[in-house]
Amino acid sequence: MFDQFYRKLLQGKVDGSSKPERFKLTKGMLPPESGLVYDFIYEKEMQRWVSWHDTINQDHLTIPSDAKVSQLLIPTAETARQDFFLRSCIDHDVPMLLIGPTGTGKTALTNATLTHLPKDKFIVNTVHFSARTSAGQAQDIIMSKVDR
């Protein structure tokens, strides 16, 4: 539904709404008709839309022989998309909340990203929540990890 609305908005075909002024792409530069707008990222330098799948770093596709299955993070279009937004938010000091179905890699990807942040610039403080975590417990956990 959002995909159809967004495409119509960019073409100036939504009743009561005009094409956004900041939108500078020509008609030939609109997102590809195949797939959803979520399936692509716009490469500004090349002035073209690219599938998230095509952004996957091929170097990470080789699995080391001593790797543990529980530690593997298999690159997919979804992990590429999540990684892009996570790193963009970190780079621009923008808070982010990842939501979605269980087992989709949100925690694994976030932990992998946080592990590789420069230690001189970032202090990672991980707090695990459950349905039973109270506000007071969360505050106690956070405060126990803060240097005073």
C-alpha atoms as a PDB file:
ATOM      1  CA  MET A   1       0.000   0.000   0.000  1.00  0.00           C
ATOM      2  CA  PHE A   2       2.765   2.468   0.942  1.00  0.00           C
ATOM      3  CA  ASP A   3       4.700   1.434  -2.164  1.00  0.00           C
ATOM      4  CA  GLN A   4       1.817   2.428  -4.451  1.00  0.00           C
ATOM      5  CA  PHE A   5       1.182   5.700  -2.584  1.00  0.00           C
ATOM      6  CA  TYR A   6       4.877   6.651  -2.659  1.00  0.00           C
ATOM      7  CA  ARG A   7       5.183   5.975  -6.381  1.00  0.00           C
ATOM      8  CA  LYS A   8       2.058   8.046  -7.131  1.00  0.00           C
ATOM      9  CA  LEU A   9       3.274  10.866  -4.877  1.00  0.00           C
ATOM     10  CA  LEU A  10       6.629  11.021  -6.670  1.00  0.00           C
ATOM     11  CA  GLN A  11       4.815  11.281  -9.977  1.00  0.00           C
ATOM     12  CA  GLY A  12       2.514  14.022  -8.653  1.00  0.00           C
ATOM     13  CA  LYS A  13      -0.558  11.815  -9.063  1.00  0.00           C
ATOM     14  CA  VAL A  14      -1.970  11.948  -5.519  1.00  0.00           C
ATOM     15  CA  ASP A  15      -5.146  14.001  -5.172  1.00  0.00           C
ATOM     16  CA  GLY A  16      -4.600  16.977  -2.878  1.00  0.00           C
ATOM     17  CA  SER A  17      -0.821  16.540  -2.818  1.00  0.00           C
ATOM     18  CA  SER A  18       1.769  17.882  -5.173  1.00  0.00           C
ATOM     19  CA  LYS A  19       5.098  16.321  -5.988  1.00  0.00           C
ATOM     20  CA  PRO A  20       7.572  17.146  -3.169  1.00  0.00           C
ATOM     21  CA  GLU A  21       9.645  20.230  -4.050  1.00  0.00           C
ATOM     22  CA  ARG A  22      12.884  18.552  -2.954  1.00  0.00           C
ATOM     23  CA  PHE A  23      12.268  15.647  -5.307  1.00  0.00           C
ATOM     24  CA  LYS A  24      14.605  16.272  -8.222  1.00  0.00           C
ATOM     25  CA  LEU A  25      14.547  12.943 -10.093  1.00  0.00           C
ATOM     26  CA  THR A  26      13.242  12.934 -13.624  1.00  0.00           C
ATOM     27  CA  LYS A  27      10.550  10.488 -14.716  1.00  0.00           C
ATOM     28  CA  GLY A  28      13.226   8.119 -16.054  1.00  0.00           C
ATOM     29  CA  MET A  29      14.896   8.076 -12.651  1.00  0.00           C
ATOM     30  CA  LEU A  30      11.895   6.810 -10.665  1.00  0.00           C
ATOM     31  CA  PRO A  31      12.231   3.530  -8.724  1.00  0.00           C
ATOM     32  CA  PRO A  32      12.038   0.420 -10.913  1.00  0.00           C
ATOM     33  CA  GLU A  33       8.554  -0.960 -11.491  1.00  0.00           C
ATOM     34  CA  SER A  34       9.666  -4.465 -10.516  1.00  0.00           C
ATOM     35  CA  GLY A  35       9.602  -5.126  -6.793  1.00  0.00           C
ATOM     36  CA  LEU A  36       8.776  -2.613  -4.077  1.00  0.00           C
ATOM     37  CA  VAL A  37      10.477   0.693  -3.290  1.00  0.00           C
ATOM     38  CA  TYR A  38      11.890  -1.089  -0.218  1.00  0.00           C
ATOM     39  CA  ASP A  39      13.872  -3.402  -2.511  1.00  0.00           C
ATOM     40  CA  PHE A  40      16.117  -0.629  -3.841  1.00  0.00           C
ATOM     41  CA  ILE A  41      18.531   2.089  -2.787  1.00  0.00           C
ATOM     42  CA  TYR A  42      19.307   5.145  -4.885  1.00  0.00           C
ATOM     43  CA  GLU A  43      22.994   5.550  -5.773  1.00  0.00           C
ATOM     44  CA  LYS A  44      23.386   9.299  -5.990  1.00  0.00           C
ATOM     45  CA  GLU A  45      26.793   9.224  -7.700  1.00  0.00           C
ATOM     46  CA  MET A  46      25.647   6.813 -10.418  1.00  0.00           C
ATOM     47  CA  GLN A  47      22.131   8.330 -10.535  1.00  0.00           C
ATOM     48  CA  ARG A  48      20.439   4.950 -10.550  1.00  0.00           C
ATOM     49  CA  TRP A  49      18.440   2.592  -8.372  1.00  0.00           C
ATOM     50  CA  VAL A  50      20.230  -0.539  -7.188  1.00  0.00           C
ATOM     51  CA  SER A  51      18.782  -3.654  -5.621  1.00  0.00           C
ATOM     52  CA  TRP A  52      19.824  -4.147  -1.992  1.00  0.00           C
ATOM     53  CA  HIS A  53      20.953  -7.612  -3.053  1.00  0.00           C
ATOM     54  CA  ASP A  54      23.507  -6.026  -5.402  1.00  0.00           C
ATOM     55  CA  THR A  55      25.048  -4.065  -2.506  1.00  0.00           C
ATOM     56  CA  ILE A  56      26.102  -7.206  -0.621  1.00  0.00           C
ATOM     57  CA  ASN A  57      29.858  -7.330  -0.123  1.00  0.00           C
ATOM     58  CA  GLN A  58      30.978 -10.504  -1.915  1.00  0.00           C
ATOM     59  CA  ASP A  59      33.990 -10.835   0.432  1.00  0.00           C
ATOM     60  CA  HIS A  60      31.652 -11.878   3.248  1.00  0.00           C
ATOM     61  CA  LEU A  61      30.189 -14.788   1.299  1.00  0.00           C
ATOM     62  CA  THR A  62      33.073 -17.137   2.101  1.00  0.00           C
ATOM     63  CA  ILE A  63      32.514 -19.019   5.354  1.00  0.00           C
ATOM     64  CA  PRO A  64      35.706 -19.809   7.292  1.00  0.00           C
ATOM     65  CA  SER A  65      36.207 -23.529   7.966  1.00  0.00           C
ATOM     66  CA  ASP A  66      36.419 -22.944  11.732  1.00  0.00           C
ATOM     67  CA  ALA A  67      33.252 -20.804  11.879  1.00  0.00           C
ATOM     68  CA  LYS A  68      30.508 -21.718  14.330  1.00  0.00           C
ATOM     69  CA  VAL A  69      27.023 -21.784  12.857  1.00  0.00           C
ATOM     70  CA  SER A  70      25.692 -19.757  15.788  1.00  0.00           C
ATOM     71  CA  GLN A  71      28.132 -16.940  14.971  1.00  0.00           C
ATOM     72  CA  LEU A  72      27.399 -16.681  11.250  1.00  0.00           C
ATOM     73  CA  LEU A  73      25.590 -13.677   9.836  1.00  0.00           C
ATOM     74  CA  ILE A  74      24.579 -14.548   6.289  1.00  0.00           C
ATOM     75  CA  PRO A  75      24.365 -11.406   4.131  1.00  0.00           C
ATOM     76  CA  THR A  76      20.975 -10.938   2.494  1.00  0.00           C
ATOM     77  CA  ALA A  77      19.131  -8.016   0.952  1.00  0.00           C
ATOM     78  CA  GLU A  78      17.399  -7.520   4.325  1.00  0.00           C
ATOM     79  CA  THR A  79      20.656  -7.462   6.309  1.00  0.00           C
ATOM     80  CA  ALA A  80      22.162  -5.044   3.758  1.00  0.00           C
ATOM     81  CA  ARG A  81      19.167  -2.732   4.190  1.00  0.00           C
ATOM     82  CA  GLN A  82      19.251  -2.946   7.999  1.00  0.00           C
ATOM     83  CA  ASP A  83      23.019  -2.401   8.077  1.00  0.00           C
ATOM     84  CA  PHE A  84      22.738   0.693   5.865  1.00  0.00           C
ATOM     85  CA  PHE A  85      20.099   2.343   8.043  1.00  0.00           C
ATOM     86  CA  LEU A  86      21.799   1.322  11.289  1.00  0.00           C
ATOM     87  CA  ARG A  87      25.162   2.757  10.184  1.00  0.00           C
ATOM     88  CA  SER A  88      23.520   5.899   8.774  1.00  0.00           C
ATOM     89  CA  CYS A  89      21.753   6.538  12.071  1.00  0.00           C
ATOM     90  CA  ILE A  90      24.956   5.944  14.040  1.00  0.00           C
ATOM     91  CA  ASP A  91      26.963   8.234  11.730  1.00  0.00           C
ATOM     92  CA  HIS A  92      24.404  11.036  12.111  1.00  0.00           C
ATOM     93  CA  ASP A  93      23.630  10.554  15.835  1.00  0.00           C
ATOM     94  CA  VAL A  94      20.023   9.603  15.118  1.00  0.00           C
ATOM     95  CA  PRO A  95      18.242   7.251  17.559  1.00  0.00           C
ATOM     96  CA  MET A  96      16.866   4.105  15.951  1.00  0.00           C
ATOM     97  CA  LEU A  97      14.391   1.428  16.957  1.00  0.00           C
ATOM     98  CA  LEU A  98      14.460  -1.856  15.031  1.00  0.00           C
ATOM     99  CA  ILE A  99      11.195  -3.754  15.091  1.00  0.00           C
ATOM    100  CA  GLY A 100      10.016  -6.830  13.271  1.00  0.00           C
ATOM    101  CA  PRO A 101       9.361 -10.540  13.500  1.00  0.00           C
ATOM    102  CA  THR A 102      11.619 -12.700  15.644  1.00  0.00           C
ATOM    103  CA  GLY A 103      14.452 -14.542  13.960  1.00  0.00           C
ATOM    104  CA  THR A 104      15.105 -11.974  11.230  1.00  0.00           C
ATOM    105  CA  GLY A 105      18.588 -10.978  12.415  1.00  0.00           C
ATOM    106  CA  LYS A 106      17.904  -7.638  14.094  1.00  0.00           C
ATOM    107  CA  THR A 107      19.840  -8.467  17.270  1.00  0.00           C
ATOM    108  CA  ALA A 108      22.647 -10.335  15.493  1.00  0.00           C
ATOM    109  CA  LEU A 109      23.203  -7.538  12.973  1.00  0.00           C
ATOM    110  CA  THR A 110      23.038  -4.814  15.621  1.00  0.00           C
ATOM    111  CA  ASN A 111      25.487  -6.669  17.872  1.00  0.00           C
ATOM    112  CA  ALA A 112      27.885  -7.231  14.959  1.00  0.00           C
ATOM    113  CA  THR A 113      27.745  -3.540  14.061  1.00  0.00           C
ATOM    114  CA  LEU A 114      28.197  -2.356  17.652  1.00  0.00           C
ATOM    115  CA  THR A 115      31.130  -4.729  18.186  1.00  0.00           C
ATOM    116  CA  HIS A 116      33.044  -3.078  15.343  1.00  0.00           C
ATOM    117  CA  LEU A 117      32.498   0.545  16.386  1.00  0.00           C
ATOM    118  CA  PRO A 118      35.663   2.471  17.334  1.00  0.00           C
ATOM    119  CA  LYS A 119      36.231   1.961  21.072  1.00  0.00           C
ATOM    120  CA  ASP A 120      37.681   5.461  21.494  1.00  0.00           C
ATOM    121  CA  LYS A 121      34.421   7.025  20.307  1.00  0.00           C
ATOM    122  CA  PHE A 122      31.693   4.645  21.496  1.00  0.00           C
ATOM    123  CA  ILE A 123      30.835   2.774  24.680  1.00  0.00           C
ATOM    124  CA  VAL A 124      28.413  -0.037  23.957  1.00  0.00           C
ATOM    125  CA  ASN A 125      25.878  -0.763  26.695  1.00  0.00           C
ATOM    126  CA  THR A 126      23.571  -3.641  25.816  1.00  0.00           C
ATOM    127  CA  VAL A 127      20.381  -4.161  27.795  1.00  0.00           C
ATOM    128  CA  HIS A 128      18.165  -7.180  27.142  1.00  0.00           C
ATOM    129  CA  PHE A 129      14.450  -6.703  27.698  1.00  0.00           C
ATOM    130  CA  SER A 130      11.683  -9.226  28.116  1.00  0.00           C
ATOM    131  CA  ALA A 131       7.948  -8.946  28.587  1.00  0.00           C
ATOM    132  CA  ARG A 132       8.585  -8.863  32.346  1.00  0.00           C
ATOM    133  CA  THR A 133      11.219  -6.102  32.396  1.00  0.00           C
ATOM    134  CA  SER A 134       9.937  -3.150  34.400  1.00  0.00           C
ATOM    135  CA  ALA A 135      10.984   0.473  33.951  1.00  0.00           C
ATOM    136  CA  GLY A 136      12.732   0.346  37.329  1.00  0.00           C
ATOM    137  CA  GLN A 137      14.699  -2.764  36.379  1.00  0.00           C
ATOM    138  CA  ALA A 138      15.763  -1.181  33.096  1.00  0.00           C
ATOM    139  CA  GLN A 139      16.953   1.933  34.921  1.00  0.00           C
ATOM    140  CA  ASP A 140      18.863  -0.170  37.484  1.00  0.00           C
ATOM    141  CA  ILE A 141      20.581  -2.170  34.733  1.00  0.00           C
ATOM    142  CA  ILE A 142      21.602   0.957  32.836  1.00  0.00           C
ATOM    143  CA  MET A 143      22.775   2.801  35.947  1.00  0.00           C
ATOM    144  CA  SER A 144      24.844  -0.198  37.095  1.00  0.00           C
ATOM    145  CA  LYS A 145      26.868   0.008  33.875  1.00  0.00           C
ATOM    146  CA  VAL A 146      27.467   3.761  33.965  1.00  0.00           C
ATOM    147  CA  ASP A 147      30.758   5.030  35.386  1.00  0.00           C
ATOM    148  CA  ARG A 148      30.117   7.565  38.116  1.00  0.00           C
END
